N, C-alpha and C. Protein backbone atom coordinates (compact mmCIF):
# COMPACT_ATOMS: atom_id res chain seq x y z
N MET A 1 39.06 -55.77 44.40
CA MET A 1 39.96 -55.25 45.38
C MET A 1 41.41 -55.97 44.97
N SER A 2 42.16 -55.15 44.41
CA SER A 2 43.51 -56.06 44.29
C SER A 2 44.34 -56.20 45.73
N ILE A 3 44.98 -57.36 45.70
CA ILE A 3 45.83 -57.94 46.89
C ILE A 3 47.25 -57.80 46.67
N ASP A 4 47.86 -58.52 45.56
CA ASP A 4 49.08 -58.70 45.05
C ASP A 4 49.56 -58.78 43.65
N LEU A 5 50.67 -58.71 43.36
CA LEU A 5 51.05 -58.99 42.31
C LEU A 5 52.48 -59.61 42.15
N HIS A 6 52.51 -60.80 41.58
CA HIS A 6 53.95 -61.44 41.67
C HIS A 6 54.32 -61.95 40.15
N GLU A 7 55.89 -61.67 39.89
CA GLU A 7 56.59 -61.92 38.65
C GLU A 7 56.49 -63.37 38.90
N LEU A 8 56.53 -64.24 37.60
CA LEU A 8 56.61 -65.52 37.47
C LEU A 8 57.69 -65.82 36.68
N PRO A 9 58.44 -67.11 36.42
CA PRO A 9 59.16 -67.24 35.59
C PRO A 9 58.50 -67.12 33.89
N GLY A 10 59.31 -67.05 32.86
CA GLY A 10 59.08 -66.97 31.42
C GLY A 10 58.18 -65.66 31.00
N GLY A 11 58.57 -64.49 31.82
CA GLY A 11 57.90 -63.34 31.45
C GLY A 11 56.62 -63.03 31.75
N THR A 12 56.02 -64.22 32.54
CA THR A 12 54.55 -64.10 33.20
C THR A 12 54.25 -63.31 34.52
N PHE A 13 53.20 -63.15 34.83
CA PHE A 13 53.05 -62.53 36.22
C PHE A 13 51.48 -62.73 36.66
N ALA A 14 51.48 -63.01 37.93
CA ALA A 14 49.95 -63.32 38.68
C ALA A 14 49.64 -62.20 39.34
N PHE A 15 48.47 -61.79 38.91
CA PHE A 15 47.64 -60.67 39.63
C PHE A 15 46.53 -61.19 40.68
N ARG A 16 46.57 -60.97 41.96
CA ARG A 16 45.74 -61.45 42.77
C ARG A 16 44.76 -60.59 43.33
N PHE A 17 43.36 -60.86 43.26
CA PHE A 17 42.47 -59.78 43.75
C PHE A 17 41.42 -60.48 44.29
N TYR A 18 40.71 -60.09 45.24
CA TYR A 18 39.44 -60.22 45.87
C TYR A 18 38.43 -59.96 45.14
N ASP A 19 37.44 -61.03 44.64
CA ASP A 19 35.93 -60.56 44.13
C ASP A 19 34.97 -60.63 45.50
N GLY A 20 34.78 -59.62 45.42
CA GLY A 20 33.73 -59.38 46.66
C GLY A 20 32.31 -59.93 46.62
N ASP A 21 32.09 -59.77 45.14
CA ASP A 21 30.67 -60.30 44.73
C ASP A 21 30.62 -61.81 44.95
N ASP A 22 31.68 -62.40 44.43
CA ASP A 22 31.59 -63.95 44.33
C ASP A 22 32.21 -64.40 45.82
N ARG A 23 33.05 -63.63 46.55
CA ARG A 23 33.42 -63.89 47.80
C ARG A 23 34.71 -64.79 47.35
N ARG A 24 35.51 -64.78 46.38
CA ARG A 24 36.29 -65.77 45.91
C ARG A 24 37.87 -65.04 45.51
N ILE A 25 39.21 -65.76 46.27
CA ILE A 25 40.38 -64.91 45.38
C ILE A 25 40.56 -65.52 43.99
N VAL A 26 40.72 -64.48 43.46
CA VAL A 26 41.15 -64.80 41.67
C VAL A 26 42.58 -64.48 41.67
N VAL A 27 43.01 -65.50 40.54
CA VAL A 27 44.38 -65.20 40.17
C VAL A 27 44.28 -65.27 38.87
N LEU A 28 44.85 -64.31 38.14
CA LEU A 28 44.80 -64.19 36.57
C LEU A 28 46.62 -64.25 36.12
N VAL A 29 46.73 -65.26 35.73
CA VAL A 29 48.28 -65.51 35.12
C VAL A 29 48.24 -64.59 33.74
N CYS A 30 49.15 -63.59 33.66
CA CYS A 30 49.02 -62.81 32.37
C CYS A 30 50.50 -63.07 31.73
N ASP A 31 50.40 -62.69 30.50
CA ASP A 31 52.09 -62.58 29.64
C ASP A 31 52.54 -61.39 29.84
N ALA A 32 53.33 -61.05 29.33
CA ALA A 32 54.00 -59.75 29.54
C ALA A 32 53.47 -58.95 28.71
N GLU A 33 52.52 -58.91 27.96
CA GLU A 33 51.40 -57.83 27.22
C GLU A 33 50.25 -57.63 28.24
N GLY A 34 49.96 -58.35 29.19
CA GLY A 34 48.93 -58.19 30.17
C GLY A 34 47.80 -59.30 29.52
N GLY A 35 48.12 -59.92 28.21
CA GLY A 35 46.97 -61.12 28.14
C GLY A 35 46.86 -62.16 28.91
N ILE A 36 45.51 -62.51 29.44
CA ILE A 36 45.23 -63.36 30.41
C ILE A 36 45.46 -64.66 29.63
N LEU A 37 46.42 -65.73 30.51
CA LEU A 37 46.69 -66.95 29.83
C LEU A 37 46.06 -67.76 30.80
N GLU A 38 45.65 -67.68 32.07
CA GLU A 38 44.96 -68.83 33.12
C GLU A 38 44.42 -67.86 34.12
N GLU A 39 43.35 -68.48 34.62
CA GLU A 39 42.27 -68.02 35.76
C GLU A 39 42.08 -68.82 36.74
N TYR A 40 42.36 -68.85 38.07
CA TYR A 40 42.03 -69.73 39.03
C TYR A 40 40.87 -68.87 40.29
N ARG A 41 40.33 -69.57 40.70
CA ARG A 41 39.29 -69.27 41.72
C ARG A 41 39.02 -69.96 42.89
N ALA A 42 39.30 -69.39 44.22
CA ALA A 42 39.25 -70.10 45.44
C ALA A 42 38.49 -69.20 46.47
N HIS A 43 37.35 -70.05 47.10
CA HIS A 43 36.60 -69.33 48.24
C HIS A 43 37.60 -68.60 49.31
N ILE A 44 37.29 -67.57 49.80
CA ILE A 44 37.92 -67.06 50.68
C ILE A 44 38.01 -67.62 51.86
N ALA A 45 37.01 -68.63 52.12
CA ALA A 45 37.14 -69.47 53.48
C ALA A 45 38.04 -70.43 53.20
N GLU A 46 38.43 -71.08 51.97
CA GLU A 46 39.80 -71.66 51.61
C GLU A 46 40.83 -71.21 51.93
N TRP A 47 40.98 -69.92 51.73
CA TRP A 47 42.05 -69.15 51.81
C TRP A 47 42.61 -68.64 52.89
N LEU A 48 41.84 -68.34 53.82
CA LEU A 48 42.03 -67.80 55.03
C LEU A 48 41.55 -69.10 56.10
N GLY A 49 41.04 -69.95 55.88
CA GLY A 49 41.10 -70.93 56.98
C GLY A 49 40.25 -70.72 58.32
N GLU A 50 40.44 -71.00 59.07
CA GLU A 50 39.91 -70.63 60.45
C GLU A 50 39.62 -69.32 60.80
N LEU A 51 40.52 -68.30 60.43
CA LEU A 51 40.39 -67.02 60.59
C LEU A 51 39.24 -66.38 59.84
N TYR A 52 38.72 -67.00 58.66
CA TYR A 52 37.44 -66.64 58.05
C TYR A 52 36.35 -66.80 58.80
N TYR A 53 36.21 -68.07 59.51
CA TYR A 53 35.33 -68.40 60.34
C TYR A 53 35.24 -67.67 61.85
N GLU A 54 36.36 -67.41 62.15
CA GLU A 54 36.46 -66.48 63.76
C GLU A 54 35.74 -65.11 63.34
N THR A 55 35.84 -64.49 62.00
CA THR A 55 35.72 -62.92 61.94
C THR A 55 33.87 -62.86 61.90
N GLY A 56 33.29 -63.76 62.23
CA GLY A 56 31.86 -63.61 62.04
C GLY A 56 31.13 -62.67 61.27
N ALA A 57 30.42 -61.78 61.42
CA ALA A 57 29.87 -60.71 60.64
C ALA A 57 30.84 -60.05 59.39
N LEU A 58 32.11 -59.73 60.03
CA LEU A 58 33.06 -59.05 59.15
C LEU A 58 33.14 -59.99 57.59
N ALA A 59 32.92 -61.35 58.02
CA ALA A 59 33.18 -62.03 56.56
C ALA A 59 32.29 -61.92 55.18
N TYR A 60 31.41 -60.78 55.74
CA TYR A 60 30.46 -59.98 54.68
C TYR A 60 30.91 -58.78 54.36
N ASP A 61 32.09 -57.92 54.96
CA ASP A 61 32.32 -56.75 54.97
C ASP A 61 33.76 -56.67 53.86
N ALA A 62 33.50 -56.69 52.46
CA ALA A 62 34.57 -56.77 51.59
C ALA A 62 35.95 -55.84 52.17
N ASP A 63 35.66 -54.49 52.64
CA ASP A 63 36.96 -54.04 52.69
C ASP A 63 37.41 -54.93 53.97
N ALA A 64 37.03 -55.56 54.98
CA ALA A 64 37.49 -56.01 56.13
C ALA A 64 38.29 -57.42 55.61
N MET A 65 37.66 -58.18 54.89
CA MET A 65 38.26 -59.25 54.27
C MET A 65 39.62 -58.81 53.23
N LEU A 66 39.33 -57.89 52.79
CA LEU A 66 40.72 -57.28 52.12
C LEU A 66 41.64 -56.90 52.93
N HIS A 67 41.47 -56.58 54.13
CA HIS A 67 42.65 -56.19 54.97
C HIS A 67 43.21 -57.44 55.50
N LEU A 68 42.07 -58.69 55.77
CA LEU A 68 42.57 -59.82 56.50
C LEU A 68 43.51 -60.54 55.05
N LEU A 69 43.21 -60.58 54.22
CA LEU A 69 44.06 -61.19 52.97
C LEU A 69 45.14 -60.52 52.51
N ARG A 70 45.27 -58.82 52.88
CA ARG A 70 46.66 -58.60 52.38
C ARG A 70 47.68 -58.79 53.49
N LYS A 71 47.30 -58.92 54.93
CA LYS A 71 47.78 -59.45 56.01
C LYS A 71 48.29 -60.67 55.82
N LYS A 72 47.69 -61.68 55.50
CA LYS A 72 47.94 -62.76 55.50
C LYS A 72 49.09 -62.97 54.24
N SER A 73 48.96 -62.26 53.11
CA SER A 73 49.90 -62.17 52.14
C SER A 73 50.97 -61.66 52.38
N GLU A 74 51.18 -60.77 53.37
CA GLU A 74 52.50 -60.07 53.89
C GLU A 74 53.20 -60.80 55.06
N GLU A 75 52.43 -61.86 55.66
CA GLU A 75 53.02 -62.67 56.67
C GLU A 75 53.40 -63.99 55.83
N GLY A 76 53.09 -63.92 54.71
CA GLY A 76 53.45 -65.41 54.12
C GLY A 76 52.76 -66.30 53.96
N GLY A 77 51.43 -66.24 54.24
CA GLY A 77 50.30 -66.97 54.44
C GLY A 77 50.05 -67.38 53.09
N ALA A 78 50.04 -66.76 51.83
CA ALA A 78 49.70 -66.90 50.75
C ALA A 78 50.88 -67.51 50.02
N SER A 79 50.68 -68.48 49.08
CA SER A 79 51.73 -68.84 48.43
C SER A 79 51.98 -68.03 47.20
N SER A 80 53.60 -67.89 47.00
CA SER A 80 53.89 -66.64 46.14
C SER A 80 54.57 -67.71 44.73
N GLY A 81 54.26 -67.36 43.56
CA GLY A 81 55.15 -68.24 42.49
C GLY A 81 54.24 -69.42 42.34
N GLU A 82 52.78 -69.78 42.92
CA GLU A 82 52.33 -70.91 42.64
C GLU A 82 50.88 -70.57 42.42
N ALA A 83 50.67 -69.96 41.06
CA ALA A 83 49.22 -69.31 40.98
C ALA A 83 48.20 -70.18 40.98
N ASP A 84 48.32 -71.43 40.70
CA ASP A 84 47.08 -72.20 40.77
C ASP A 84 46.60 -72.83 42.43
N ARG A 85 47.30 -72.13 43.17
CA ARG A 85 47.16 -72.39 44.71
C ARG A 85 46.13 -71.23 45.15
N CYS A 86 46.44 -70.23 44.48
CA CYS A 86 45.56 -68.82 44.76
C CYS A 86 46.53 -68.26 45.77
């Protein structure tokens, strides 16, 4: 489930998505042609922090987690331009 897309220096971009099966945030750094240059993963609990634990059973609902991830990204809680930090 996609979260966002960020343009990076040097004609590259970072595509960030939620892997619900693995419960991880994944960042793929790609070149201008879409070839994958790097991949980074972080467990959703690392990315959402305390908010993850406060959600209770919703932590197992992929749609609910995606909503929280997008909200955090829009609020500036997610790093932009630093793909290695997911």
